[in-house]
Amino acid sequence: MKVNLHMHSKYSDGTRWPEEIIARSSSLGLNQVALTDHDCLEGVDTFLLAAKEAGIQAIAGVEIDCIAPEIKYNSEVLGYFPLGNWTHIRDFCLGRMQYREKRIKRLISLAADHYKTELSFEELKTHKIGTLPPGLKDPLLSYSKPDLYNYLMTEKKLIPKGTDYGVFKKLKFLNQDKDPKPLVQEVIDIILRDDGIPILPHPGLIFNRDVEKMNAEGFEIFEWFKNVGILALECNYYEEKTNSINNLTRKFARNLGLKITWGSDCHGPGHDSDTMEKFWGHQGLPFLDR
């Protein structure tokens, strides 16, 4: 069994539409997949339908930006909905998407002042969408800073091609608008309300891929997540540190009585995280009998 439960589409910061992701998954022989766009479930219905037609088991998913100030966590929580209900989390995400659209519009205005040129949300949106699949009109999208980065670099040529996104993020005007992210506990509670499965994604990133730091501090951090409702830790792709970090992840999961999932965090061709061929697991989502 080949499993990849962490992928992004053009509905958030991926580079391909859901049906294109399924076609690629099929060509790789993946058996179980999930779409986990940022703060967005708008592509899930298309993803599930395309997967059914391709003979692939697909699960509705989402990746919610959130924080836990008490442990200095500022990242995400994954939610999966194998029982087919995501009513409350979708409503929550619609609110987050509305906020994201307002924020990207403010950032475009700040960028226009910074670069002393005319920029527009509609132009960024058109650039982000690219070519629409047949039958899709004016989709609801989840906007983020990478969308602005790509627009300024490839469409407006205001950023030198190849500029590292980390360098771009440090530009002063980008930090004039702080995102009031929800708390981890709030996100987990909404996921559970829909009989969903809350999972901690890419746990190695909490420790900046530092294996020694993760080994020394991981148990306390992951125990905190277990106590607030996380049910599993994700094995993820970390380039040359993939095996060492995932071995630690599995060790902590065993010690804490947590499950393991597998996801590559693929964002598609042309993105720095184009990982579908590089990483997958051999064990499906372990909660389908809940």
C-alpha atoms as a PDB file:
ATOM      1  CA  MET A   1       0.000   0.000   0.000  1.00  0.00           C
ATOM      2  CA  LYS A   2       1.350   3.448  -0.956  1.00  0.00           C
ATOM      3  CA  VAL A   3       0.006   6.350   1.111  1.00  0.00           C
ATOM      4  CA  ASN A   4       0.440  10.136   0.926  1.00  0.00           C
ATOM      5  CA  LEU A   5      -1.858  12.110   3.221  1.00  0.00           C
ATOM      6  CA  HIS A   6      -0.403  15.618   2.949  1.00  0.00           C
ATOM      7  CA  MET A   7      -0.744  17.502  -0.352  1.00  0.00           C
ATOM      8  CA  HIS A   8      -1.739  21.010  -1.437  1.00  0.00           C
ATOM      9  CA  SER A   9      -3.578  22.294  -4.490  1.00  0.00           C
ATOM     10  CA  LYS A  10      -4.123  25.652  -6.185  1.00  0.00           C
ATOM     11  CA  TYR A  11      -6.950  26.256  -3.736  1.00  0.00           C
ATOM     12  CA  SER A  12      -4.186  27.243  -1.294  1.00  0.00           C
ATOM     13  CA  ASP A  13      -0.463  27.411  -2.116  1.00  0.00           C
ATOM     14  CA  GLY A  14      -0.065  24.404  -4.409  1.00  0.00           C
ATOM     15  CA  THR A  15       0.591  24.608  -8.151  1.00  0.00           C
ATOM     16  CA  ARG A  16      -1.943  22.074  -9.487  1.00  0.00           C
ATOM     17  CA  TRP A  17      -5.711  21.580  -9.296  1.00  0.00           C
ATOM     18  CA  PRO A  18      -7.146  18.624  -7.314  1.00  0.00           C
ATOM     19  CA  GLU A  19      -7.904  16.490 -10.373  1.00  0.00           C
ATOM     20  CA  GLU A  20      -4.338  16.996 -11.604  1.00  0.00           C
ATOM     21  CA  ILE A  21      -3.028  15.815  -8.230  1.00  0.00           C
ATOM     22  CA  ILE A  22      -5.141  12.672  -8.494  1.00  0.00           C
ATOM     23  CA  ALA A  23      -3.833  11.987 -12.008  1.00  0.00           C
ATOM     24  CA  ARG A  24      -0.280  12.263 -10.723  1.00  0.00           C
ATOM     25  CA  SER A  25      -1.106  10.095  -7.701  1.00  0.00           C
ATOM     26  CA  SER A  26      -2.507   7.439 -10.002  1.00  0.00           C
ATOM     27  CA  SER A  27       0.607   7.460 -12.177  1.00  0.00           C
ATOM     28  CA  LEU A  28       2.693   6.799  -9.043  1.00  0.00           C
ATOM     29  CA  GLY A  29       0.477   3.963  -7.888  1.00  0.00           C
ATOM     30  CA  LEU A  30      -0.689   5.682  -4.701  1.00  0.00           C
ATOM     31  CA  ASN A  31      -3.528   3.838  -2.980  1.00  0.00           C
ATOM     32  CA  GLN A  32      -4.624   6.322  -0.274  1.00  0.00           C
ATOM     33  CA  VAL A  33      -4.333  10.105  -0.545  1.00  0.00           C
ATOM     34  CA  ALA A  34      -5.620  13.262   1.133  1.00  0.00           C
ATOM     35  CA  LEU A  35      -5.883  16.887   0.069  1.00  0.00           C
ATOM     36  CA  THR A  36      -4.839  19.186   2.938  1.00  0.00           C
ATOM     37  CA  ASP A  37      -5.020  22.767   1.725  1.00  0.00           C
ATOM     38  CA  HIS A  38      -4.285  25.622   4.116  1.00  0.00           C
ATOM     39  CA  ASP A  39      -7.445  26.812   5.910  1.00  0.00           C
ATOM     40  CA  CYS A  40      -9.490  25.557   2.956  1.00  0.00           C
ATOM     41  CA  LEU A  41     -11.697  22.587   2.016  1.00  0.00           C
ATOM     42  CA  GLU A  42     -13.011  24.042  -1.251  1.00  0.00           C
ATOM     43  CA  GLY A  43     -11.120  21.551  -3.434  1.00  0.00           C
ATOM     44  CA  VAL A  44     -12.072  18.456  -1.456  1.00  0.00           C
ATOM     45  CA  ASP A  45     -15.271  17.536  -3.345  1.00  0.00           C
ATOM     46  CA  THR A  46     -13.487  17.571  -6.704  1.00  0.00           C
ATOM     47  CA  PHE A  47     -10.548  15.671  -5.206  1.00  0.00           C
ATOM     48  CA  LEU A  48     -12.790  12.916  -3.804  1.00  0.00           C
ATOM     49  CA  LEU A  49     -14.721  12.548  -7.064  1.00  0.00           C
ATOM     50  CA  ALA A  50     -11.550  12.368  -9.187  1.00  0.00           C
ATOM     51  CA  ALA A  51     -10.051   9.826  -6.792  1.00  0.00           C
ATOM     52  CA  LYS A  52     -13.168   7.636  -6.955  1.00  0.00           C
ATOM     53  CA  GLU A  53     -13.021   7.648 -10.748  1.00  0.00           C
ATOM     54  CA  ALA A  54      -9.323   6.706 -10.590  1.00  0.00           C
ATOM     55  CA  GLY A  55      -9.885   3.892  -8.105  1.00  0.00           C
ATOM     56  CA  ILE A  56      -7.914   5.609  -5.331  1.00  0.00           C
ATOM     57  CA  GLN A  57      -9.082   5.873  -1.725  1.00  0.00           C
ATOM     58  CA  ALA A  58      -9.206   9.576  -0.847  1.00  0.00           C
ATOM     59  CA  ILE A  59      -9.841  11.285   2.477  1.00  0.00           C
ATOM     60  CA  ALA A  60     -11.023  14.841   3.060  1.00  0.00           C
ATOM     61  CA  GLY A  61      -8.396  16.850   4.884  1.00  0.00           C
ATOM     62  CA  VAL A  62      -7.256  20.335   5.794  1.00  0.00           C
ATOM     63  CA  GLU A  63      -4.213  22.021   7.334  1.00  0.00           C
ATOM     64  CA  ILE A  64      -5.103  24.840   9.726  1.00  0.00           C
ATOM     65  CA  ASP A  65      -2.652  27.567  10.692  1.00  0.00           C
ATOM     66  CA  CYS A  66      -2.623  27.933  14.484  1.00  0.00           C
ATOM     67  CA  ILE A  67      -0.543  28.821  17.525  1.00  0.00           C
ATOM     68  CA  ALA A  68       0.150  27.623  21.061  1.00  0.00           C
ATOM     69  CA  PRO A  69       1.922  30.485  22.871  1.00  0.00           C
ATOM     70  CA  GLU A  70       2.579  28.344  25.972  1.00  0.00           C
ATOM     71  CA  ILE A  71       5.015  26.166  23.986  1.00  0.00           C
ATOM     72  CA  LYS A  72       5.963  28.842  21.422  1.00  0.00           C
ATOM     73  CA  TYR A  73       4.310  26.881  18.603  1.00  0.00           C
ATOM     74  CA  ASN A  74       3.424  28.755  15.412  1.00  0.00           C
ATOM     75  CA  SER A  75       2.603  26.315  12.635  1.00  0.00           C
ATOM     76  CA  GLU A  76      -0.331  24.049  11.753  1.00  0.00           C
ATOM     77  CA  VAL A  77      -2.581  21.151  12.700  1.00  0.00           C
ATOM     78  CA  LEU A  78      -3.876  18.626  10.171  1.00  0.00           C
ATOM     79  CA  GLY A  79      -7.461  17.435  10.282  1.00  0.00           C
ATOM     80  CA  TYR A  80      -8.863  14.381   8.469  1.00  0.00           C
ATOM     81  CA  PHE A  81     -12.535  13.477   8.032  1.00  0.00           C
ATOM     82  CA  PRO A  82     -12.866   9.852   6.890  1.00  0.00           C
ATOM     83  CA  LEU A  83     -16.482   9.657   8.092  1.00  0.00           C
ATOM     84  CA  GLY A  84     -17.495  12.257   5.511  1.00  0.00           C
ATOM     85  CA  ASN A  85     -18.507  15.116   7.810  1.00  0.00           C
ATOM     86  CA  TRP A  86     -16.637  18.435   7.792  1.00  0.00           C
ATOM     87  CA  THR A  87     -19.488  20.909   8.303  1.00  0.00           C
ATOM     88  CA  HIS A  88     -18.094  22.860  11.246  1.00  0.00           C
ATOM     89  CA  ILE A  89     -14.485  22.956  10.069  1.00  0.00           C
ATOM     90  CA  ARG A  90     -15.572  24.137   6.610  1.00  0.00           C
ATOM     91  CA  ASP A  91     -17.540  27.022   8.164  1.00  0.00           C
ATOM     92  CA  PHE A  92     -14.502  27.866  10.275  1.00  0.00           C
ATOM     93  CA  CYS A  93     -12.275  27.781   7.186  1.00  0.00           C
ATOM     94  CA  LEU A  94     -14.606  30.070   5.242  1.00  0.00           C
ATOM     95  CA  GLY A  95     -14.029  32.671   7.943  1.00  0.00           C
ATOM     96  CA  ARG A  96     -10.274  32.142   7.752  1.00  0.00           C
ATOM     97  CA  MET A  97     -10.371  32.444   3.951  1.00  0.00           C
ATOM     98  CA  GLN A  98     -12.259  35.723   4.178  1.00  0.00           C
ATOM     99  CA  TYR A  99      -9.602  37.007   6.544  1.00  0.00           C
ATOM    100  CA  ARG A 100      -6.821  35.755   4.234  1.00  0.00           C
ATOM    101  CA  GLU A 101      -8.320  37.606   1.270  1.00  0.00           C
ATOM    102  CA  LYS A 102      -8.548  40.855   3.249  1.00  0.00           C
ATOM    103  CA  ARG A 103      -4.960  40.393   4.420  1.00  0.00           C
ATOM    104  CA  ILE A 104      -3.558  39.740   0.933  1.00  0.00           C
ATOM    105  CA  LYS A 105      -5.290  42.891  -0.303  1.00  0.00           C
ATOM    106  CA  ARG A 106      -3.638  44.901   2.489  1.00  0.00           C
ATOM    107  CA  LEU A 107      -0.271  43.345   1.670  1.00  0.00           C
ATOM    108  CA  ILE A 108      -0.690  44.196  -2.023  1.00  0.00           C
ATOM    109  CA  SER A 109      -1.303  47.805  -1.059  1.00  0.00           C
ATOM    110  CA  LEU A 110       1.786  47.805   1.170  1.00  0.00           C
ATOM    111  CA  ALA A 111       3.827  46.187  -1.603  1.00  0.00           C
ATOM    112  CA  ALA A 112       2.659  48.834  -4.082  1.00  0.00           C
ATOM    113  CA  ASP A 113       3.922  51.546  -1.708  1.00  0.00           C
ATOM    114  CA  HIS A 114       7.177  49.641  -1.129  1.00  0.00           C
ATOM    115  CA  TYR A 115       7.951  49.163  -4.834  1.00  0.00           C
ATOM    116  CA  LYS A 116       6.337  52.448  -5.886  1.00  0.00           C
ATOM    117  CA  THR A 117       4.267  50.826  -8.617  1.00  0.00           C
ATOM    118  CA  GLU A 118       0.677  49.815  -9.336  1.00  0.00           C
ATOM    119  CA  LEU A 119      -0.390  46.367  -8.148  1.00  0.00           C
ATOM    120  CA  SER A 120      -3.834  44.792  -7.955  1.00  0.00           C
ATOM    121  CA  PHE A 121      -5.582  41.926  -6.229  1.00  0.00           C
ATOM    122  CA  GLU A 122      -7.408  40.918  -9.423  1.00  0.00           C
ATOM    123  CA  GLU A 123      -4.094  40.628 -11.269  1.00  0.00           C
ATOM    124  CA  LEU A 124      -2.633  38.500  -8.454  1.00  0.00           C
ATOM    125  CA  LYS A 125      -5.763  36.318  -8.466  1.00  0.00           C
ATOM    126  CA  THR A 126      -5.568  35.791 -12.223  1.00  0.00           C
ATOM    127  CA  HIS A 127      -1.891  34.909 -11.916  1.00  0.00           C
ATOM    128  CA  LYS A 128      -2.577  32.455  -9.101  1.00  0.00           C
ATOM    129  CA  ILE A 129      -5.453  30.706 -10.880  1.00  0.00           C
ATOM    130  CA  GLY A 130      -3.736  30.265 -14.245  1.00  0.00           C
ATOM    131  CA  THR A 131      -5.818  27.975 -16.443  1.00  0.00           C
ATOM    132  CA  LEU A 132      -9.079  26.845 -14.874  1.00  0.00           C
ATOM    133  CA  PRO A 133     -10.210  23.212 -15.218  1.00  0.00           C
ATOM    134  CA  PRO A 134     -13.337  22.689 -17.365  1.00  0.00           C
ATOM    135  CA  GLY A 135     -16.516  23.687 -15.559  1.00  0.00           C
ATOM    136  CA  LEU A 136     -14.834  25.647 -12.759  1.00  0.00           C
ATOM    137  CA  LYS A 137     -15.686  29.335 -12.465  1.00  0.00           C
ATOM    138  CA  ASP A 138     -14.382  31.856  -9.938  1.00  0.00           C
ATOM    139  CA  PRO A 139     -13.260  29.391  -7.233  1.00  0.00           C
ATOM    140  CA  LEU A 140     -12.938  30.396  -3.581  1.00  0.00           C
ATOM    141  CA  LEU A 141      -9.231  30.384  -2.779  1.00  0.00           C
ATOM    142  CA  SER A 142      -7.026  30.590   0.298  1.00  0.00           C
ATOM    143  CA  TYR A 143      -4.452  33.358  -0.207  1.00  0.00           C
ATOM    144  CA  SER A 144      -1.066  33.526   1.486  1.00  0.00           C
ATOM    145  CA  LYS A 145       2.253  35.359   1.347  1.00  0.00           C
ATOM    146  CA  PRO A 146       3.707  32.860  -1.170  1.00  0.00           C
ATOM    147  CA  ASP A 147       1.014  34.042  -3.612  1.00  0.00           C
ATOM    148  CA  LEU A 148       2.293  37.611  -3.284  1.00  0.00           C
ATOM    149  CA  TYR A 149       5.884  36.375  -3.597  1.00  0.00           C
ATOM    150  CA  ASN A 150       5.119  34.513  -6.845  1.00  0.00           C
ATOM    151  CA  TYR A 151       3.097  37.406  -8.256  1.00  0.00           C
ATOM    152  CA  LEU A 152       5.838  39.952  -7.566  1.00  0.00           C
ATOM    153  CA  MET A 153       8.550  37.672  -8.948  1.00  0.00           C
ATOM    154  CA  THR A 154       7.054  36.041 -12.034  1.00  0.00           C
ATOM    155  CA  GLU A 155       4.271  38.419 -13.075  1.00  0.00           C
ATOM    156  CA  LYS A 156       5.662  41.850 -12.067  1.00  0.00           C
ATOM    157  CA  LYS A 157       9.418  41.070 -12.129  1.00  0.00           C
ATOM    158  CA  LEU A 158       9.876  43.187  -8.985  1.00  0.00           C
ATOM    159  CA  ILE A 159      11.812  40.439  -7.182  1.00  0.00           C
ATOM    160  CA  PRO A 160      14.882  38.887  -8.861  1.00  0.00           C
ATOM    161  CA  LYS A 161      14.037  35.399 -10.137  1.00  0.00           C
ATOM    162  CA  GLY A 162      15.317  32.768  -7.736  1.00  0.00           C
ATOM    163  CA  THR A 163      15.157  35.011  -4.660  1.00  0.00           C
ATOM    164  CA  ASP A 164      14.764  32.778  -1.612  1.00  0.00           C
ATOM    165  CA  TYR A 165      11.311  33.005  -0.064  1.00  0.00           C
ATOM    166  CA  GLY A 166      12.930  33.291   3.375  1.00  0.00           C
ATOM    167  CA  VAL A 167      14.663  36.478   2.235  1.00  0.00           C
ATOM    168  CA  PHE A 168      11.397  37.840   0.859  1.00  0.00           C
ATOM    169  CA  LYS A 169       9.561  37.174   4.139  1.00  0.00           C
ATOM    170  CA  LYS A 170      11.973  39.454   5.993  1.00  0.00           C
ATOM    171  CA  LEU A 171      10.942  42.533   4.004  1.00  0.00           C
ATOM    172  CA  LYS A 172       9.716  45.121   6.483  1.00  0.00           C
ATOM    173  CA  PHE A 173       6.348  45.827   4.868  1.00  0.00           C
ATOM    174  CA  LEU A 174       5.306  42.159   5.187  1.00  0.00           C
ATOM    175  CA  ASN A 175       5.542  42.367   8.959  1.00  0.00           C
ATOM    176  CA  GLN A 176       3.196  45.333   9.294  1.00  0.00           C
ATOM    177  CA  ASP A 177       0.185  43.020   9.208  1.00  0.00           C
ATOM    178  CA  LYS A 178       0.087  40.319  11.891  1.00  0.00           C
ATOM    179  CA  ASP A 179      -2.159  37.292  11.455  1.00  0.00           C
ATOM    180  CA  PRO A 180      -4.357  36.620  14.536  1.00  0.00           C
ATOM    181  CA  LYS A 181      -4.159  32.838  14.220  1.00  0.00           C
ATOM    182  CA  PRO A 182      -6.493  30.576  16.197  1.00  0.00           C
ATOM    183  CA  LEU A 183      -5.221  28.525  19.122  1.00  0.00           C
ATOM    184  CA  VAL A 184      -4.232  24.879  18.642  1.00  0.00           C
ATOM    185  CA  GLN A 185      -6.852  23.802  21.183  1.00  0.00           C
ATOM    186  CA  GLU A 186      -9.597  25.695  19.336  1.00  0.00           C
ATOM    187  CA  VAL A 187      -8.665  24.041  16.042  1.00  0.00           C
ATOM    188  CA  ILE A 188      -8.540  20.547  17.564  1.00  0.00           C
ATOM    189  CA  ASP A 189     -11.932  21.042  19.216  1.00  0.00           C
ATOM    190  CA  ILE A 190     -13.552  21.971  15.885  1.00  0.00           C
ATOM    191  CA  ILE A 191     -11.946  18.991  14.115  1.00  0.00           C
ATOM    192  CA  LEU A 192     -13.235  16.639  16.815  1.00  0.00           C
ATOM    193  CA  ARG A 193     -16.691  18.201  16.602  1.00  0.00           C
ATOM    194  CA  ASP A 194     -16.905  16.812  13.047  1.00  0.00           C
ATOM    195  CA  ASP A 195     -15.637  13.390  14.213  1.00  0.00           C
ATOM    196  CA  GLY A 196     -12.345  14.290  12.578  1.00  0.00           C
ATOM    197  CA  ILE A 197      -8.812  13.189  13.347  1.00  0.00           C
ATOM    198  CA  PRO A 198      -6.351  15.901  14.517  1.00  0.00           C
ATOM    199  CA  ILE A 199      -2.729  15.160  13.621  1.00  0.00           C
ATOM    200  CA  LEU A 200       0.535  17.047  14.161  1.00  0.00           C
ATOM    201  CA  PRO A 201       2.218  17.676  10.783  1.00  0.00           C
ATOM    202  CA  HIS A 202       5.970  17.661  10.059  1.00  0.00           C
ATOM    203  CA  PRO A 203       7.008  17.470  13.753  1.00  0.00           C
ATOM    204  CA  GLY A 204      10.687  17.744  12.835  1.00  0.00           C
ATOM    205  CA  LEU A 205      10.150  21.342  11.746  1.00  0.00           C
ATOM    206  CA  ILE A 206       9.318  22.298  15.338  1.00  0.00           C
ATOM    207  CA  PHE A 207      13.018  21.721  16.041  1.00  0.00           C
ATOM    208  CA  ASN A 208      14.286  23.193  12.750  1.00  0.00           C
ATOM    209  CA  ARG A 209      15.268  19.662  11.622  1.00  0.00           C
ATOM    210  CA  ASP A 210      17.796  19.478  14.454  1.00  0.00           C
ATOM    211  CA  VAL A 211      17.849  15.782  15.362  1.00  0.00           C
ATOM    212  CA  GLU A 212      19.676  16.269  18.663  1.00  0.00           C
ATOM    213  CA  LYS A 213      17.321  19.030  19.775  1.00  0.00           C
ATOM    214  CA  MET A 214      14.294  16.932  18.822  1.00  0.00           C
ATOM    215  CA  ASN A 215      15.677  13.945  20.738  1.00  0.00           C
ATOM    216  CA  ALA A 216      16.257  16.082  23.826  1.00  0.00           C
ATOM    217  CA  GLU A 217      13.016  18.098  23.825  1.00  0.00           C
ATOM    218  CA  GLY A 218      10.560  16.086  21.751  1.00  0.00           C
ATOM    219  CA  PHE A 219       8.867  14.027  24.449  1.00  0.00           C
ATOM    220  CA  GLU A 220       7.704  17.040  26.443  1.00  0.00           C
ATOM    221  CA  ILE A 221       6.453  18.853  23.341  1.00  0.00           C
ATOM    222  CA  PHE A 222       4.623  15.862  21.881  1.00  0.00           C
ATOM    223  CA  GLU A 223       3.135  15.000  25.262  1.00  0.00           C
ATOM    224  CA  TRP A 224       1.662  18.500  25.355  1.00  0.00           C
ATOM    225  CA  PHE A 225       0.065  17.922  21.951  1.00  0.00           C
ATOM    226  CA  LYS A 226      -1.318  14.569  23.071  1.00  0.00           C
ATOM    227  CA  ASN A 227      -2.871  16.201  26.138  1.00  0.00           C
ATOM    228  CA  VAL A 228      -4.737  18.743  23.979  1.00  0.00           C
ATOM    229  CA  GLY A 229      -6.120  16.074  21.638  1.00  0.00           C
ATOM    230  CA  ILE A 230      -3.573  15.253  18.932  1.00  0.00           C
ATOM    231  CA  LEU A 231      -3.981  11.580  17.960  1.00  0.00           C
ATOM    232  CA  ALA A 232      -0.969  11.023  15.691  1.00  0.00           C
ATOM    233  CA  LEU A 233       2.409  12.356  14.583  1.00  0.00           C
ATOM    234  CA  GLU A 234       3.201  12.659  10.894  1.00  0.00           C
ATOM    235  CA  CYS A 235       6.234  11.129   9.190  1.00  0.00           C
ATOM    236  CA  ASN A 236       7.273  13.691   6.601  1.00  0.00           C
ATOM    237  CA  TYR A 237       9.990  14.454   4.036  1.00  0.00           C
ATOM    238  CA  TYR A 238      13.075  16.260   5.409  1.00  0.00           C
ATOM    239  CA  GLU A 239      15.570  15.764   2.565  1.00  0.00           C
ATOM    240  CA  GLU A 240      18.743  14.091   3.868  1.00  0.00           C
ATOM    241  CA  LYS A 241      17.383  14.002   7.439  1.00  0.00           C
ATOM    242  CA  THR A 242      14.181  12.154   6.532  1.00  0.00           C
ATOM    243  CA  ASN A 243      15.139   8.781   8.028  1.00  0.00           C
ATOM    244  CA  SER A 244      16.679  10.099  11.254  1.00  0.00           C
ATOM    245  CA  ILE A 245      13.803  12.488  12.031  1.00  0.00           C
ATOM    246  CA  ASN A 246      11.097   9.966  11.142  1.00  0.00           C
ATOM    247  CA  ASN A 247      12.783   7.295  13.263  1.00  0.00           C
ATOM    248  CA  LEU A 248      12.574   9.696  16.202  1.00  0.00           C
ATOM    249  CA  THR A 249       8.967  10.532  15.341  1.00  0.00           C
ATOM    250  CA  ARG A 250       8.020   6.862  15.441  1.00  0.00           C
ATOM    251  CA  LYS A 251       9.875   6.402  18.736  1.00  0.00           C
ATOM    252  CA  PHE A 252       8.035   9.272  20.405  1.00  0.00           C
ATOM    253  CA  ALA A 253       4.719   8.050  19.005  1.00  0.00           C
ATOM    254  CA  ARG A 254       5.280   4.581  20.496  1.00  0.00           C
ATOM    255  CA  ASN A 255       6.294   5.999  23.864  1.00  0.00           C
ATOM    256  CA  LEU A 256       3.244   8.256  24.028  1.00  0.00           C
ATOM    257  CA  GLY A 257       0.685   5.837  22.596  1.00  0.00           C
ATOM    258  CA  LEU A 258       0.136   7.950  19.477  1.00  0.00           C
ATOM    259  CA  LYS A 259      -0.417   6.780  15.905  1.00  0.00           C
ATOM    260  CA  ILE A 260       1.710   7.555  12.831  1.00  0.00           C
ATOM    261  CA  THR A 261       0.646   8.955   9.461  1.00  0.00           C
ATOM    262  CA  TRP A 262       2.603   9.582   6.260  1.00  0.00           C
ATOM    263  CA  GLY A 263       2.605  12.723   4.123  1.00  0.00           C
ATOM    264  CA  SER A 264       5.049  14.406   1.769  1.00  0.00           C
ATOM    265  CA  ASP A 265       3.650  17.974   2.019  1.00  0.00           C
ATOM    266  CA  CYS A 266       3.762  18.155  -1.776  1.00  0.00           C
ATOM    267  CA  HIS A 267       2.905  21.533  -3.309  1.00  0.00           C
ATOM    268  CA  GLY A 268       3.405  20.515  -6.937  1.00  0.00           C
ATOM    269  CA  PRO A 269       5.758  21.154  -9.873  1.00  0.00           C
ATOM    270  CA  GLY A 270       7.545  24.490  -9.769  1.00  0.00           C
ATOM    271  CA  HIS A 271       7.339  24.728  -5.978  1.00  0.00           C
ATOM    272  CA  ASP A 272      10.264  24.200  -3.603  1.00  0.00           C
ATOM    273  CA  SER A 273       8.267  21.386  -1.997  1.00  0.00           C
ATOM    274  CA  ASP A 274       7.566  19.126  -4.974  1.00  0.00           C
ATOM    275  CA  THR A 275       7.882  15.881  -3.076  1.00  0.00           C
ATOM    276  CA  MET A 276       5.272  13.408  -4.315  1.00  0.00           C
ATOM    277  CA  GLU A 277       7.809  11.083  -5.940  1.00  0.00           C
ATOM    278  CA  LYS A 278      10.234  11.454  -3.041  1.00  0.00           C
ATOM    279  CA  PHE A 279       8.187  10.256  -0.084  1.00  0.00           C
ATOM    280  CA  TRP A 280       5.217   8.101   0.848  1.00  0.00           C
ATOM    281  CA  GLY A 281       4.275   5.562   3.485  1.00  0.00           C
ATOM    282  CA  HIS A 282       3.036   2.002   3.430  1.00  0.00           C
ATOM    283  CA  GLN A 283       0.412   2.245   6.162  1.00  0.00           C
ATOM    284  CA  GLY A 284      -2.966   3.897   5.707  1.00  0.00           C
ATOM    285  CA  LEU A 285      -4.810   6.194   8.039  1.00  0.00           C
ATOM    286  CA  PRO A 286      -5.185   4.051  11.170  1.00  0.00           C
ATOM    287  CA  PHE A 287      -8.496   5.434  12.382  1.00  0.00           C
ATOM    288  CA  LEU A 288     -10.937   4.367   9.675  1.00  0.00           C
ATOM    289  CA  ASP A 289     -12.737   2.033  12.088  1.00  0.00           C
ATOM    290  CA  ARG A 290     -13.612   4.829  14.550  1.00  0.00           C
END
